[in-house]
Every structure is written in structure tokens, then in C-alpha cells.
Amino acid sequence: MPDLIATRDMRYATRALQAGDPFQASNQDARILIAIKKARAADASADPSAAAPTLDELRDKAAKLGITVSTRWGDKRLLEEIAKVASA
């Protein structure tokens, strides 16, 4: 039985679950709940703080470092520019 985490408020197996609540489901139910985005696998959410920064966070960081940011720059270019300034 896979461990899951509810992504939305829902009822499962007579329990009222809120978003973020861990629970276990049968293999078949787990596949269905993941497919309809009512749950996600517990191991896939190991550490959300280790996720890559968003584009807005990168733009804010670049602006704080004094980099003139073009709206056309993607995350790769922003990371390169931040690294250049950080190493200088």
C-alpha cells in the first residue's frame, strides 16, 4: 500500500482528509488518486525547500545584486548572470 499525501480536501475510506495529510491507499486507488490530482506520492515530496527557485525569485535576487534584468531572460540566463556577479 503506497503512502500518499492529499493535495486537496477530500474524503477517502470514511476519513476526511485535508490538503497535506498523509494516508495510505491500495495500489489501484493510489493510481487513480494521483491521476486525478487528489494525491501525490509521499516520497516525491521529500523536501520542498530544496526545489529550484522560481523565475520571480531569481529576478528578485538579480535585482538585489544590481543586475539589470531583461524580461526575456529565462532561469538559465539569470543563474549565469547571478553566478558572474557572485564570483566577481
Protein backbone atom coordinates (compact mmCIF):
# COMPACT_ATOMS: atom_id res chain seq x y z
CA MET A 1 0.00 0.00 0.00
CA PRO A 2 1.65 3.21 -1.14
CA ASP A 3 2.00 6.21 1.12
CA LEU A 4 0.27 9.28 -0.30
CA ILE A 5 -0.26 12.91 0.62
CA ALA A 6 -3.58 14.59 -0.10
CA THR A 7 -3.28 17.59 -2.42
CA ARG A 8 -6.88 18.73 -1.90
CA ASP A 9 -9.50 18.38 0.81
CA MET A 10 -11.33 15.10 0.20
CA ARG A 11 -12.88 12.04 1.76
CA TYR A 12 -11.15 8.68 1.47
CA ALA A 13 -12.07 5.45 3.24
CA THR A 14 -14.53 7.23 5.56
CA ARG A 15 -11.86 9.76 6.60
CA ALA A 16 -12.00 13.47 5.93
CA LEU A 17 -8.56 14.45 4.67
CA GLN A 18 -7.21 17.96 4.29
CA ALA A 19 -4.54 19.03 1.82
CA GLY A 20 -1.17 17.87 3.14
CA ASP A 21 -2.49 14.98 5.22
CA PRO A 22 -0.58 11.69 4.78
CA PHE A 23 -2.53 8.49 4.21
CA GLN A 24 -2.28 5.03 2.68
CA ALA A 25 -4.32 3.70 -0.21
CA SER A 26 -4.49 0.50 -2.22
CA ASN A 27 -2.35 0.33 -5.36
CA GLN A 28 -5.37 0.79 -7.62
CA ASP A 29 -6.79 3.69 -5.60
CA ALA A 30 -3.36 5.33 -5.44
CA ARG A 31 -3.01 5.28 -9.24
CA ILE A 32 -6.46 6.83 -9.64
CA LEU A 33 -6.00 9.50 -6.94
CA ILE A 34 -2.65 10.53 -8.41
CA ALA A 35 -4.11 10.62 -11.94
CA ILE A 36 -6.95 12.94 -10.90
CA LYS A 37 -4.50 15.03 -8.84
CA LYS A 38 -6.19 14.49 -5.50
CA ALA A 39 -2.99 12.98 -4.06
CA ARG A 40 0.73 12.66 -4.71
CA ALA A 41 3.27 10.06 -3.68
CA ALA A 42 4.78 10.78 -0.27
CA ASP A 43 8.35 10.09 -1.37
CA ALA A 44 8.10 12.63 -4.23
CA SER A 45 7.71 15.44 -1.69
CA ALA A 46 10.84 14.75 0.32
CA ASP A 47 11.97 18.36 0.76
CA PRO A 48 10.05 21.16 -0.95
CA SER A 49 12.62 23.74 0.19
CA ALA A 50 15.27 22.01 -1.96
CA ALA A 51 13.27 22.77 -5.11
CA ALA A 52 14.76 25.05 -7.74
CA PRO A 53 13.98 28.74 -7.24
CA THR A 54 11.20 30.24 -9.31
CA LEU A 55 11.80 32.75 -12.07
CA ASP A 56 10.43 35.57 -9.89
CA GLU A 57 12.77 34.63 -7.04
CA LEU A 58 15.73 34.66 -9.44
CA ARG A 59 14.70 38.07 -10.82
CA ASP A 60 14.43 39.46 -7.28
CA LYS A 61 17.85 38.10 -6.36
CA ALA A 62 19.40 39.54 -9.54
CA ALA A 63 17.83 42.94 -8.86
CA LYS A 64 19.25 42.93 -5.32
CA LEU A 65 22.70 42.23 -6.77
CA GLY A 66 22.34 45.20 -9.11
CA ILE A 67 21.86 43.23 -12.32
CA THR A 68 19.66 44.85 -14.96
CA VAL A 69 17.25 42.05 -15.82
CA SER A 70 15.65 41.63 -19.23
CA THR A 71 12.12 40.24 -19.24
CA ARG A 72 13.20 37.80 -21.96
CA TRP A 73 15.77 36.08 -19.77
CA GLY A 74 14.94 32.61 -18.57
CA ASP A 75 16.12 30.88 -15.44
CA LYS A 76 19.31 29.58 -17.07
CA ARG A 77 20.45 33.07 -18.10
CA LEU A 78 19.53 34.53 -14.71
CA LEU A 79 21.54 31.84 -12.92
CA GLU A 80 24.54 32.56 -15.16
CA GLU A 81 24.36 36.31 -14.53
CA ILE A 82 23.98 35.81 -10.76
CA ALA A 83 26.98 33.44 -10.77
CA LYS A 84 29.09 36.01 -12.67
CA VAL A 85 28.35 38.72 -10.11
CA ALA A 86 28.79 36.37 -7.16
CA SER A 87 32.21 35.20 -8.37
CA ALA A 88 33.46 38.73 -9.06
